[in-house]
C-alpha atoms as a PDB file:
ATOM      1  CA  MET A   1     -67.692  56.939 -53.976  1.00  0.00           C
ATOM      2  CA  CYS A   2     -68.101  55.851 -50.364  1.00  0.00           C
ATOM      3  CA  ASN A   3     -69.939  52.733 -51.470  1.00  0.00           C
ATOM      4  CA  GLU A   4     -67.115  51.920 -53.869  1.00  0.00           C
ATOM      5  CA  LEU A   5     -64.478  52.365 -51.152  1.00  0.00           C
ATOM      6  CA  HIS A   6     -66.539  50.298 -48.771  1.00  0.00           C
ATOM      7  CA  ARG A   7     -66.846  47.588 -51.403  1.00  0.00           C
ATOM      8  CA  GLU A   8     -63.082  47.630 -52.062  1.00  0.00           C
ATOM      9  CA  ARG A   9     -62.364  47.338 -48.366  1.00  0.00           C
ATOM     10  CA  ARG A  10     -64.858  44.505 -48.044  1.00  0.00           C
ATOM     11  CA  MET A  11     -63.215  42.709 -50.972  1.00  0.00           C
ATOM     12  CA  SER A  12     -59.792  43.189 -49.349  1.00  0.00           C
ATOM     13  CA  MET A  13     -61.103  41.773 -46.092  1.00  0.00           C
ATOM     14  CA  LEU A  14     -62.559  38.777 -47.914  1.00  0.00           C
ATOM     15  CA  THR A  15     -59.181  38.227 -49.554  1.00  0.00           C
ATOM     16  CA  TYR A  16     -57.415  38.444 -46.184  1.00  0.00           C
ATOM     17  CA  GLU A  17     -59.798  35.811 -44.828  1.00  0.00           C
ATOM     18  CA  GLN A  18     -58.681  33.349 -47.506  1.00  0.00           C
ATOM     19  CA  LEU A  19     -54.974  33.662 -46.785  1.00  0.00           C
ATOM     20  CA  PRO A  20     -53.254  30.864 -44.793  1.00  0.00           C
ATOM     21  CA  CYS A  21     -51.485  33.375 -42.569  1.00  0.00           C
ATOM     22  CA  SER A  22     -52.335  36.052 -40.035  1.00  0.00           C
ATOM     23  CA  ILE A  23     -53.220  39.533 -41.291  1.00  0.00           C
ATOM     24  CA  VAL A  24     -53.496  42.422 -38.825  1.00  0.00           C
ATOM     25  CA  LEU A  25     -54.078  46.134 -39.488  1.00  0.00           C
ATOM     26  CA  LEU A  26     -52.932  48.739 -36.979  1.00  0.00           C
ATOM     27  CA  ASN A  27     -53.676  52.433 -36.904  1.00  0.00           C
ATOM     28  CA  SER A  28     -50.998  55.016 -36.187  1.00  0.00           C
ATOM     29  CA  GLU A  29     -51.508  54.542 -32.437  1.00  0.00           C
ATOM     30  CA  GLY A  30     -51.001  50.760 -32.552  1.00  0.00           C
ATOM     31  CA  ILE A  31     -54.712  49.929 -32.173  1.00  0.00           C
ATOM     32  CA  ILE A  32     -55.785  46.803 -34.036  1.00  0.00           C
ATOM     33  CA  THR A  33     -58.403  47.808 -36.619  1.00  0.00           C
ATOM     34  CA  TYR A  34     -58.628  44.426 -38.305  1.00  0.00           C
ATOM     35  CA  ALA A  35     -57.551  40.847 -37.598  1.00  0.00           C
ATOM     36  CA  ASN A  36     -58.385  37.974 -39.920  1.00  0.00           C
ATOM     37  CA  THR A  37     -59.831  34.683 -38.718  1.00  0.00           C
ATOM     38  CA  PHE A  38     -56.453  32.922 -39.016  1.00  0.00           C
ATOM     39  CA  PHE A  39     -54.938  35.324 -36.456  1.00  0.00           C
ATOM     40  CA  CYS A  40     -57.968  35.055 -34.146  1.00  0.00           C
ATOM     41  CA  ASN A  41     -57.806  31.265 -34.220  1.00  0.00           C
ATOM     42  CA  LEU A  42     -54.063  31.364 -33.600  1.00  0.00           C
ATOM     43  CA  LEU A  43     -54.586  33.360 -30.398  1.00  0.00           C
ATOM     44  CA  GLN A  44     -57.718  31.336 -29.550  1.00  0.00           C
ATOM     45  CA  ARG A  45     -59.717  34.555 -29.219  1.00  0.00           C
ATOM     46  CA  LYS A  46     -62.840  36.047 -30.771  1.00  0.00           C
ATOM     47  CA  GLU A  47     -62.499  38.916 -33.239  1.00  0.00           C
ATOM     48  CA  HIS A  48     -64.290  41.343 -30.885  1.00  0.00           C
ATOM     49  CA  ASP A  49     -61.725  40.492 -28.178  1.00  0.00           C
ATOM     50  CA  ILE A  50     -58.909  41.596 -30.498  1.00  0.00           C
ATOM     51  CA  VAL A  51     -60.134  44.428 -32.726  1.00  0.00           C
ATOM     52  CA  GLY A  52     -60.053  47.750 -30.929  1.00  0.00           C
ATOM     53  CA  GLU A  53     -57.333  46.622 -28.534  1.00  0.00           C
ATOM     54  CA  HIS A  54     -53.771  47.899 -28.570  1.00  0.00           C
ATOM     55  CA  VAL A  55     -51.399  45.327 -30.000  1.00  0.00           C
ATOM     56  CA  GLU A  56     -49.319  45.450 -26.797  1.00  0.00           C
ATOM     57  CA  ARG A  57     -52.162  43.781 -24.912  1.00  0.00           C
ATOM     58  CA  PHE A  58     -51.227  40.522 -26.606  1.00  0.00           C
ATOM     59  CA  LEU A  59     -47.479  40.813 -25.971  1.00  0.00           C
ATOM     60  CA  SER A  60     -45.525  39.703 -22.901  1.00  0.00           C
ATOM     61  CA  THR A  61     -43.636  42.293 -20.839  1.00  0.00           C
ATOM     62  CA  THR A  62     -40.356  41.412 -22.546  1.00  0.00           C
ATOM     63  CA  ASN A  63     -41.897  41.600 -26.000  1.00  0.00           C
ATOM     64  CA  LYS A  64     -43.536  44.944 -25.184  1.00  0.00           C
ATOM     65  CA  PHE A  65     -40.050  46.286 -24.497  1.00  0.00           C
ATOM     66  CA  ILE A  66     -38.766  44.830 -27.774  1.00  0.00           C
ATOM     67  CA  PHE A  67     -41.813  46.283 -29.580  1.00  0.00           C
ATOM     68  CA  HIS A  68     -41.057  49.807 -28.319  1.00  0.00           C
ATOM     69  CA  SER A  69     -37.253  49.701 -28.411  1.00  0.00           C
ATOM     70  CA  SER A  70     -36.747  48.039 -31.779  1.00  0.00           C
ATOM     71  CA  PHE A  71     -39.884  47.303 -33.804  1.00  0.00           C
ATOM     72  CA  TYR A  72     -41.506  50.748 -33.689  1.00  0.00           C
ATOM     73  CA  PRO A  73     -38.288  52.730 -34.281  1.00  0.00           C
ATOM     74  CA  GLN A  74     -37.549  50.647 -37.389  1.00  0.00           C
ATOM     75  CA  LEU A  75     -41.096  51.123 -38.657  1.00  0.00           C
ATOM     76  CA  HIS A  76     -41.022  54.902 -38.217  1.00  0.00           C
ATOM     77  CA  MET A  77     -37.542  55.213 -39.709  1.00  0.00           C
ATOM     78  CA  HIS A  78     -37.943  52.960 -42.755  1.00  0.00           C
ATOM     79  CA  GLY A  79     -41.708  52.669 -43.159  1.00  0.00           C
ATOM     80  CA  HIS A  80     -41.467  48.889 -43.038  1.00  0.00           C
ATOM     81  CA  VAL A  81     -40.067  46.059 -40.932  1.00  0.00           C
ATOM     82  CA  GLU A  82     -39.002  42.667 -42.321  1.00  0.00           C
ATOM     83  CA  GLU A  83     -38.783  39.282 -40.592  1.00  0.00           C
ATOM     84  CA  PHE A  84     -39.128  40.589 -37.062  1.00  0.00           C
ATOM     85  CA  VAL A  85     -40.002  37.959 -34.445  1.00  0.00           C
ATOM     86  CA  LEU A  86     -42.362  38.724 -31.550  1.00  0.00           C
ATOM     87  CA  HIS A  87     -44.078  36.368 -29.128  1.00  0.00           C
ATOM     88  CA  PHE A  88     -47.861  36.794 -28.824  1.00  0.00           C
ATOM     89  CA  GLU A  89     -49.908  35.355 -25.952  1.00  0.00           C
ATOM     90  CA  ARG A  90     -52.774  32.981 -26.555  1.00  0.00           C
ATOM     91  CA  SER A  91     -55.854  33.148 -24.377  1.00  0.00           C
ATOM     92  CA  ASP A  92     -54.372  30.343 -22.247  1.00  0.00           C
ATOM     93  CA  GLY A  93     -51.108  32.266 -21.723  1.00  0.00           C
ATOM     94  CA  VAL A  94     -49.005  30.164 -24.108  1.00  0.00           C
ATOM     95  CA  GLN A  95     -46.399  32.196 -25.998  1.00  0.00           C
ATOM     96  CA  ILE A  96     -46.549  31.866 -29.795  1.00  0.00           C
ATOM     97  CA  PRO A  97     -43.545  33.051 -31.847  1.00  0.00           C
ATOM     98  CA  LEU A  98     -44.636  34.960 -34.964  1.00  0.00           C
ATOM     99  CA  MET A  99     -42.442  36.419 -37.696  1.00  0.00           C
ATOM    100  CA  ILE A 100     -43.809  39.805 -38.771  1.00  0.00           C
ATOM    101  CA  ASN A 101     -43.434  41.657 -42.039  1.00  0.00           C
ATOM    102  CA  THR A 102     -45.009  45.123 -41.892  1.00  0.00           C
ATOM    103  CA  LYS A 103     -45.472  48.132 -44.113  1.00  0.00           C
ATOM    104  CA  ARG A 104     -46.809  51.567 -43.287  1.00  0.00           C
ATOM    105  CA  THR A 105     -49.463  52.752 -45.785  1.00  0.00           C
ATOM    106  CA  LEU A 106     -52.279  55.295 -46.218  1.00  0.00           C
ATOM    107  CA  TYR A 107     -55.827  54.008 -46.261  1.00  0.00           C
ATOM    108  CA  ASN A 108     -58.801  56.388 -46.632  1.00  0.00           C
ATOM    109  CA  GLY A 109     -56.406  59.229 -45.913  1.00  0.00           C
ATOM    110  CA  GLU A 110     -55.349  57.643 -42.651  1.00  0.00           C
ATOM    111  CA  GLU A 111     -52.044  55.965 -41.819  1.00  0.00           C
ATOM    112  CA  HIS A 112     -52.266  52.215 -41.254  1.00  0.00           C
ATOM    113  CA  VAL A 113     -49.742  49.495 -40.688  1.00  0.00           C
ATOM    114  CA  VAL A 114     -50.336  46.245 -42.560  1.00  0.00           C
ATOM    115  CA  CYS A 115     -48.885  43.282 -40.669  1.00  0.00           C
ATOM    116  CA  ILE A 116     -48.417  39.819 -42.147  1.00  0.00           C
ATOM    117  CA  LEU A 117     -47.610  37.317 -39.401  1.00  0.00           C
ATOM    118  CA  MET A 118     -46.276  33.794 -39.953  1.00  0.00           C
ATOM    119  CA  SER A 119     -46.168  31.243 -37.171  1.00  0.00           C
ATOM    120  CA  MET A 120     -42.621  30.252 -36.195  1.00  0.00           C
ATOM    121  CA  THR A 121     -43.656  27.304 -34.030  1.00  0.00           C
ATOM    122  CA  LYS A 122     -43.031  24.636 -36.675  1.00  0.00           C
ATOM    123  CA  ARG A 123     -39.843  26.307 -37.811  1.00  0.00           C
ATOM    124  CA  ILE A 124     -38.553  26.470 -34.247  1.00  0.00           C
ATOM    125  CA  GLU A 125     -39.543  22.826 -33.739  1.00  0.00           C
ATOM    126  CA  TYR A 126     -37.719  21.882 -36.941  1.00  0.00           C
ATOM    127  CA  GLU A 127     -34.671  23.886 -35.908  1.00  0.00           C
ATOM    128  CA  GLN A 128     -34.738  22.262 -32.492  1.00  0.00           C
ATOM    129  CA  GLU A 129     -35.103  18.871 -34.137  1.00  0.00           C
ATOM    130  CA  ILE A 130     -32.183  19.665 -36.441  1.00  0.00           C
ATOM    131  CA  ARG A 131     -30.087  20.768 -33.454  1.00  0.00           C
ATOM    132  CA  THR A 132     -31.051  17.581 -31.626  1.00  0.00           C
ATOM    133  CA  ILE A 133     -30.137  15.458 -34.636  1.00  0.00           C
ATOM    134  CA  ALA A 134     -26.893  17.412 -35.091  1.00  0.00           C
ATOM    135  CA  LYS A 135     -26.071  16.874 -31.422  1.00  0.00           C
ATOM    136  CA  LYS A 136     -26.795  13.153 -31.749  1.00  0.00           C
ATOM    137  CA  LEU A 137     -24.646  12.984 -34.881  1.00  0.00           C
ATOM    138  CA  GLU A 138     -21.889  14.819 -33.050  1.00  0.00           C
ATOM    139  CA  GLN A 139     -22.233  12.359 -30.181  1.00  0.00           C
ATOM    140  CA  VAL A 140     -22.186   9.410 -32.594  1.00  0.00           C
ATOM    141  CA  ASN A 141     -19.121  10.853 -34.356  1.00  0.00           C
ATOM    142  CA  GLU A 142     -17.429  11.357 -31.003  1.00  0.00           C
ATOM    143  CA  GLU A 143     -18.296   7.812 -29.958  1.00  0.00           C
ATOM    144  CA  GLN A 144     -17.010   6.525 -33.303  1.00  0.00           C
ATOM    145  CA  ALA A 145     -13.811   8.543 -32.860  1.00  0.00           C
ATOM    146  CA  GLN A 146     -13.408   7.131 -29.354  1.00  0.00           C
ATOM    147  CA  ALA A 147     -14.162   3.629 -30.640  1.00  0.00           C
ATOM    148  CA  LEU A 148     -11.638   4.101 -33.454  1.00  0.00           C
ATOM    149  CA  ALA A 149      -9.023   5.358 -30.996  1.00  0.00           C
ATOM    150  CA  LYS A 150      -9.756   2.377 -28.737  1.00  0.00           C
ATOM    151  CA  LEU A 151      -9.552   0.038 -31.728  1.00  0.00           C
ATOM    152  CA  GLN A 152      -6.222   1.544 -32.770  1.00  0.00           C
ATOM    153  CA  GLN A 153      -4.966   1.192 -29.197  1.00  0.00           C
ATOM    154  CA  LEU A 154      -6.075  -2.451 -29.105  1.00  0.00           C
ATOM    155  CA  HIS A 155      -4.469  -3.027 -32.504  1.00  0.00           C
ATOM    156  CA  ALA A 156      -1.208  -1.513 -31.231  1.00  0.00           C
ATOM    157  CA  GLU A 157      -1.389  -3.673 -28.096  1.00  0.00           C
ATOM    158  CA  ILE A 158      -2.077  -6.793 -30.173  1.00  0.00           C
ATOM    159  CA  GLU A 159       0.802  -5.940 -32.500  1.00  0.00           C
ATOM    160  CA  LYS A 160       3.066  -5.402 -29.502  1.00  0.00           C
ATOM    161  CA  LYS A 161       1.961  -8.719 -27.978  1.00  0.00           C
ATOM    162  CA  GLN A 162       2.552 -10.463 -31.305  1.00  0.00           C
ATOM    163  CA  GLN A 163       6.048  -8.975 -31.482  1.00  0.00           C
ATOM    164  CA  GLU A 164       6.674 -10.058 -27.901  1.00  0.00           C
ATOM    165  CA  LEU A 165       5.383 -13.536 -28.742  1.00  0.00           C
ATOM    166  CA  VAL A 166       7.668 -13.731 -31.780  1.00  0.00           C
ATOM    167  CA  MET A 167      10.579 -12.575 -29.628  1.00  0.00           C
ATOM    168  CA  ILE A 168       9.751 -15.149 -26.943  1.00  0.00           C
ATOM    169  CA  THR A 169       9.440 -17.854 -29.600  1.00  0.00           C
ATOM    170  CA  ASN A 170      12.809 -16.912 -31.098  1.00  0.00           C
ATOM    171  CA  THR A 171      14.722 -16.265 -27.860  1.00  0.00           C
ATOM    172  CA  ASP A 172      16.650 -18.686 -25.681  1.00  0.00           C
ATOM    173  CA  LYS A 173      15.147 -18.423 -22.211  1.00  0.00           C
ATOM    174  CA  LEU A 174      18.404 -18.880 -20.300  1.00  0.00           C
ATOM    175  CA  THR A 175      20.859 -16.677 -22.217  1.00  0.00           C
ATOM    176  CA  ASN A 176      18.356 -14.187 -23.692  1.00  0.00           C
ATOM    177  CA  ILE A 177      19.907 -14.445 -27.165  1.00  0.00           C
ATOM    178  CA  PHE A 178      18.319 -15.988 -30.269  1.00  0.00           C
ATOM    179  CA  ASN A 179      17.594 -19.720 -30.223  1.00  0.00           C
ATOM    180  CA  ARG A 180      18.127 -22.552 -32.695  1.00  0.00           C
ATOM    181  CA  ARG A 181      14.711 -22.070 -34.312  1.00  0.00           C
ATOM    182  CA  TYR A 182      15.481 -18.476 -35.229  1.00  0.00           C
ATOM    183  CA  ILE A 183      19.071 -19.012 -36.362  1.00  0.00           C
ATOM    184  CA  GLU A 184      18.082 -21.880 -38.685  1.00  0.00           C
ATOM    185  CA  HIS A 185      15.388 -19.689 -40.250  1.00  0.00           C
ATOM    186  CA  TYR A 186      17.829 -16.797 -40.647  1.00  0.00           C
ATOM    187  CA  LEU A 187      20.494 -19.087 -42.124  1.00  0.00           C
ATOM    188  CA  ALA A 188      17.987 -20.322 -44.729  1.00  0.00           C
ATOM    189  CA  GLU A 189      17.279 -16.704 -45.714  1.00  0.00           C
ATOM    190  CA  LEU A 190      20.991 -15.908 -46.048  1.00  0.00           C
ATOM    191  CA  VAL A 191      21.573 -18.983 -48.224  1.00  0.00           C
ATOM    192  CA  GLU A 192      18.652 -18.041 -50.485  1.00  0.00           C
ATOM    193  CA  VAL A 193      19.894 -14.461 -50.917  1.00  0.00           C
ATOM    194  CA  ALA A 194      23.508 -15.532 -51.432  1.00  0.00           C
ATOM    195  CA  GLY A 195      22.360 -17.992 -54.096  1.00  0.00           C
ATOM    196  CA  GLN A 196      21.007 -15.032 -56.075  1.00  0.00           C
ATOM    197  CA  THR A 197      23.655 -12.400 -55.304  1.00  0.00           C
ATOM    198  CA  GLU A 198      26.718 -14.604 -54.610  1.00  0.00           C
ATOM    199  CA  ASP A 199      27.508 -12.327 -51.656  1.00  0.00           C
ATOM    200  CA  ALA A 200      29.703 -14.030 -49.092  1.00  0.00           C
ATOM    201  CA  PHE A 201      28.668 -14.625 -45.497  1.00  0.00           C
ATOM    202  CA  SER A 202      30.185 -16.726 -42.741  1.00  0.00           C
ATOM    203  CA  LEU A 203      28.934 -19.138 -40.092  1.00  0.00           C
ATOM    204  CA  CYS A 204      30.738 -19.843 -36.815  1.00  0.00           C
ATOM    205  CA  ILE A 205      29.999 -22.721 -34.450  1.00  0.00           C
ATOM    206  CA  LEU A 206      31.291 -22.136 -30.932  1.00  0.00           C
ATOM    207  CA  ASP A 207      31.628 -24.784 -28.219  1.00  0.00           C
ATOM    208  CA  ILE A 208      32.717 -24.361 -24.573  1.00  0.00           C
ATOM    209  CA  ASP A 209      35.791 -26.458 -23.795  1.00  0.00           C
ATOM    210  CA  PHE A 210      35.348 -29.060 -21.026  1.00  0.00           C
ATOM    211  CA  PHE A 211      31.890 -27.739 -20.181  1.00  0.00           C
ATOM    212  CA  LYS A 212      30.798 -31.093 -18.730  1.00  0.00           C
ATOM    213  CA  LYS A 213      33.641 -30.773 -16.231  1.00  0.00           C
ATOM    214  CA  VAL A 214      32.347 -27.313 -15.209  1.00  0.00           C
ATOM    215  CA  ASN A 215      28.896 -28.777 -14.523  1.00  0.00           C
ATOM    216  CA  ASP A 216      30.278 -31.810 -12.702  1.00  0.00           C
ATOM    217  CA  THR A 217      32.683 -29.745 -10.576  1.00  0.00           C
ATOM    218  CA  TYR A 218      30.690 -26.622  -9.783  1.00  0.00           C
ATOM    219  CA  GLY A 219      27.091 -27.672 -10.455  1.00  0.00           C
ATOM    220  CA  HIS A 220      24.531 -26.759 -13.100  1.00  0.00           C
ATOM    221  CA  GLN A 221      23.826 -23.329 -11.622  1.00  0.00           C
ATOM    222  CA  VAL A 222      27.414 -22.305 -12.239  1.00  0.00           C
ATOM    223  CA  GLY A 223      27.206 -23.971 -15.656  1.00  0.00           C
ATOM    224  CA  ASP A 224      24.164 -21.836 -16.505  1.00  0.00           C
ATOM    225  CA  TYR A 225      26.006 -18.753 -15.260  1.00  0.00           C
ATOM    226  CA  VAL A 226      28.926 -19.526 -17.610  1.00  0.00           C
ATOM    227  CA  LEU A 227      26.527 -19.918 -20.565  1.00  0.00           C
ATOM    228  CA  ILE A 228      24.902 -16.561 -19.783  1.00  0.00           C
ATOM    229  CA  GLU A 229      28.235 -14.740 -19.463  1.00  0.00           C
ATOM    230  CA  ILE A 230      29.611 -16.215 -22.693  1.00  0.00           C
ATOM    231  CA  ALA A 231      26.425 -15.255 -24.559  1.00  0.00           C
ATOM    232  CA  SER A 232      26.860 -11.697 -23.282  1.00  0.00           C
ATOM    233  CA  LEU A 233      30.526 -11.594 -24.355  1.00  0.00           C
ATOM    234  CA  MET A 234      29.591 -12.852 -27.822  1.00  0.00           C
ATOM    235  CA  LYS A 235      26.967 -10.122 -28.249  1.00  0.00           C
ATOM    236  CA  GLN A 236      29.443  -7.448 -27.131  1.00  0.00           C
ATOM    237  CA  HIS A 237      32.193  -8.466 -29.555  1.00  0.00           C
ATOM    238  CA  VAL A 238      30.038  -9.391 -32.556  1.00  0.00           C
ATOM    239  CA  GLY A 239      27.893  -6.274 -32.173  1.00  0.00           C
ATOM    240  CA  GLU A 240      26.014  -5.091 -35.260  1.00  0.00           C
ATOM    241  CA  GLU A 241      28.112  -7.198 -37.623  1.00  0.00           C
ATOM    242  CA  GLY A 242      26.278 -10.432 -36.951  1.00  0.00           C
ATOM    243  CA  VAL A 243      23.662 -12.456 -35.113  1.00  0.00           C
ATOM    244  CA  VAL A 244      24.365 -14.592 -32.067  1.00  0.00           C
ATOM    245  CA  ALA A 245      22.290 -17.623 -31.049  1.00  0.00           C
ATOM    246  CA  ARG A 246      22.392 -20.587 -28.714  1.00  0.00           C
ATOM    247  CA  TYR A 247      22.367 -23.710 -30.871  1.00  0.00           C
ATOM    248  CA  GLY A 248      21.923 -26.232 -28.088  1.00  0.00           C
ATOM    249  CA  GLY A 249      23.618 -27.228 -24.826  1.00  0.00           C
ATOM    250  CA  GLU A 250      26.998 -25.474 -24.727  1.00  0.00           C
ATOM    251  CA  GLU A 251      27.049 -24.790 -28.481  1.00  0.00           C
ATOM    252  CA  PHE A 252      26.470 -21.357 -30.016  1.00  0.00           C
ATOM    253  CA  ILE A 253      26.262 -20.066 -33.576  1.00  0.00           C
ATOM    254  CA  ILE A 254      27.349 -16.722 -34.986  1.00  0.00           C
ATOM    255  CA  LEU A 255      26.052 -15.688 -38.417  1.00  0.00           C
ATOM    256  CA  LEU A 256      28.004 -12.908 -40.129  1.00  0.00           C
ATOM    257  CA  PRO A 257      26.170 -11.486 -43.185  1.00  0.00           C
ATOM    258  CA  ASN A 258      28.416  -9.994 -45.888  1.00  0.00           C
ATOM    259  CA  ILE A 259      31.510 -11.121 -43.970  1.00  0.00           C
ATOM    260  CA  ALA A 260      34.138 -13.188 -45.836  1.00  0.00           C
ATOM    261  CA  LYS A 261      36.777 -15.542 -44.415  1.00  0.00           C
ATOM    262  CA  GLU A 262      39.416 -13.105 -43.150  1.00  0.00           C
ATOM    263  CA  GLN A 263      37.041 -10.799 -41.246  1.00  0.00           C
ATOM    264  CA  ALA A 264      35.080 -13.784 -39.873  1.00  0.00           C
ATOM    265  CA  VAL A 265      38.286 -15.206 -38.396  1.00  0.00           C
ATOM    266  CA  ILE A 266      39.186 -11.815 -36.864  1.00  0.00           C
ATOM    267  CA  ILE A 267      35.763 -11.541 -35.179  1.00  0.00           C
ATOM    268  CA  SER A 268      35.943 -15.155 -33.953  1.00  0.00           C
ATOM    269  CA  ASN A 269      39.420 -14.639 -32.501  1.00  0.00           C
ATOM    270  CA  ALA A 270      38.163 -11.517 -30.703  1.00  0.00           C
ATOM    271  CA  VAL A 271      35.378 -13.561 -29.097  1.00  0.00           C
ATOM    272  CA  ASN A 272      37.893 -16.277 -28.240  1.00  0.00           C
ATOM    273  CA  GLU A 273      40.206 -13.771 -26.582  1.00  0.00           C
ATOM    274  CA  ALA A 274      37.332 -12.142 -24.669  1.00  0.00           C
ATOM    275  CA  VAL A 275      36.256 -15.467 -23.141  1.00  0.00           C
ATOM    276  CA  ARG A 276      39.818 -16.560 -22.388  1.00  0.00           C
ATOM    277  CA  THR A 277      40.620 -13.389 -20.448  1.00  0.00           C
ATOM    278  CA  TYR A 278      37.256 -12.974 -18.736  1.00  0.00           C
ATOM    279  CA  GLU A 279      37.228 -13.414 -14.952  1.00  0.00           C
ATOM    280  CA  PHE A 280      34.312 -15.755 -14.247  1.00  0.00           C
ATOM    281  CA  ASP A 281      32.950 -16.114 -10.727  1.00  0.00           C
ATOM    282  CA  HIS A 282      33.438 -19.555  -9.141  1.00  0.00           C
ATOM    283  CA  VAL A 283      35.401 -20.813 -12.172  1.00  0.00           C
ATOM    284  CA  GLN A 284      39.118 -20.243 -12.630  1.00  0.00           C
ATOM    285  CA  ARG A 285      39.297 -20.328 -16.413  1.00  0.00           C
ATOM    286  CA  VAL A 286      36.944 -20.998 -19.326  1.00  0.00           C
ATOM    287  CA  THR A 287      37.912 -21.309 -22.990  1.00  0.00           C
ATOM    288  CA  ILE A 288      36.033 -21.925 -26.214  1.00  0.00           C
ATOM    289  CA  SER A 289      36.729 -23.493 -29.589  1.00  0.00           C
ATOM    290  CA  ILE A 290      35.263 -22.083 -32.820  1.00  0.00           C
ATOM    291  CA  GLY A 291      34.809 -23.615 -36.262  1.00  0.00           C
ATOM    292  CA  VAL A 292      34.138 -21.262 -39.188  1.00  0.00           C
ATOM    293  CA  SER A 293      32.860 -21.774 -42.730  1.00  0.00           C
ATOM    294  CA  THR A 294      32.145 -19.219 -45.463  1.00  0.00           C
ATOM    295  CA  TYR A 295      29.454 -19.519 -48.126  1.00  0.00           C
ATOM    296  CA  ARG A 296      30.376 -21.047 -51.477  1.00  0.00           C
ATOM    297  CA  ALA A 297      28.203 -21.004 -54.580  1.00  0.00           C
ATOM    298  CA  GLY A 298      25.690 -23.848 -54.439  1.00  0.00           C
ATOM    299  CA  ASP A 299      25.948 -24.298 -50.674  1.00  0.00           C
ATOM    300  CA  THR A 300      22.960 -25.436 -48.621  1.00  0.00           C
ATOM    301  CA  GLU A 301      22.460 -24.767 -44.924  1.00  0.00           C
ATOM    302  CA  SER A 302      23.545 -28.266 -43.967  1.00  0.00           C
ATOM    303  CA  MET A 303      26.719 -27.995 -46.072  1.00  0.00           C
ATOM    304  CA  LEU A 304      27.741 -24.785 -44.291  1.00  0.00           C
ATOM    305  CA  ILE A 305      26.998 -26.244 -40.857  1.00  0.00           C
ATOM    306  CA  ASN A 306      28.854 -29.452 -41.707  1.00  0.00           C
ATOM    307  CA  ARG A 307      32.023 -27.604 -42.734  1.00  0.00           C
ATOM    308  CA  ALA A 308      31.936 -25.373 -39.633  1.00  0.00           C
ATOM    309  CA  ASP A 309      31.320 -28.434 -37.464  1.00  0.00           C
ATOM    310  CA  ARG A 310      34.332 -30.238 -38.987  1.00  0.00           C
ATOM    311  CA  ALA A 311      36.472 -27.144 -38.388  1.00  0.00           C
ATOM    312  CA  LEU A 312      35.260 -27.071 -34.767  1.00  0.00           C
ATOM    313  CA  TYR A 313      36.117 -30.750 -34.346  1.00  0.00           C
ATOM    314  CA  TYR A 314      39.595 -30.049 -35.736  1.00  0.00           C
ATOM    315  CA  ALA A 315      40.042 -27.203 -33.208  1.00  0.00           C
ATOM    316  CA  LYS A 316      39.040 -29.560 -30.392  1.00  0.00           C
ATOM    317  CA  GLN A 317      41.481 -32.205 -31.612  1.00  0.00           C
ATOM    318  CA  HIS A 318      44.348 -29.741 -31.882  1.00  0.00           C
ATOM    319  CA  GLY A 319      44.465 -28.137 -28.448  1.00  0.00           C
ATOM    320  CA  ARG A 320      41.107 -26.329 -28.097  1.00  0.00           C
ATOM    321  CA  ASP A 321      40.898 -22.568 -27.214  1.00  0.00           C
ATOM    322  CA  ARG A 322      41.264 -21.569 -30.845  1.00  0.00           C
ATOM    323  CA  THR A 323      39.481 -20.578 -34.065  1.00  0.00           C
ATOM    324  CA  ILE A 324      39.775 -22.749 -37.179  1.00  0.00           C
ATOM    325  CA  HIS A 325      38.374 -21.865 -40.612  1.00  0.00           C
ATOM    326  CA  PHE A 326      37.476 -24.884 -42.716  1.00  0.00           C
ATOM    327  CA  ARG A 327      39.330 -23.553 -45.745  1.00  0.00           C
ATOM    328  CA  ASP A 328      42.620 -23.619 -43.796  1.00  0.00           C
ATOM    329  CA  ILE A 329      42.334 -27.326 -43.011  1.00  0.00           C
ATOM    330  CA  GLU A 330      40.411 -28.561 -46.027  1.00  0.00           C
ATOM    331  CA  HIS A 331      43.534 -29.940 -47.698  1.00  0.00           C
ATOM    332  CA  VAL A 332      44.406 -32.165 -44.717  1.00  0.00           C
ATOM    333  CA  LEU A 333      40.916 -33.574 -44.150  1.00  0.00           C
ATOM    334  CA  HIS A 334      39.456 -36.617 -45.802  1.00  0.00           C
ATOM    335  CA  PRO A 335      36.451 -35.843 -48.039  1.00  0.00           C
END
């Protein structure tokens, strides 16, 4: 019987030697009664340096505390411990993390604890590598987010600069209202839309009366001042109903979308009155003349401008300081 038990134990030990993990047997007092070659090699120690020693000899002070405060109580309470990590010391003092699965069992009538230990070094390295990669990815994502935010900021700045450039391109430098380039483009759009919808709109050409005399008498600085003030008065009295632009020299244009003859004349007269009653510095009195035309089916830009220009000429010839709509004088003009 003893020979058979001895043979079974020897066979078990041979099996333990073939396993690619550490196998350790402890008695009830924590003395190591067996350690396979894998475990001995892991600790870089000979078998006779391990067997017969208390397992605590190979644990650091911290791990001895963990062994007594947590590992042993679990073992005695449940009879087994699963996936418990302890650090064992190699012969050179290096700490090796091992995950332990244990079970308390009876062998030859005596209580033993079978311990299967798996090295955690590679796992910890992999986890550290994963954390490092995750941190790098997080950093890359953060850098990309910052780059995207910077790109969006640059895009917004470029868009703002483009809008400013468009505004500069379309604005008269002296009077700070739209210029001829813009008003001609806008007029072309209105004509195209009106050709499809037949909605009325009106065009007003405004000219400062005796402006050359203002320049000759008071100088070009005062002349520029008068242009600026008149542009401001036009914007105030046209408001949201239309668009005001400097057409060239002392000429201005007002475009009034969706405004027919009667309302266009009312707005023009209001501008006329505002200029007439305005108290200019350095100049006693300034007046303006305005010619107005309203869109007719089939009109082109040049046709509208021509009719407004003829109405303006008529206003100049008949006393100035007034508004004339082309339709009111059409019957007295030569074709």
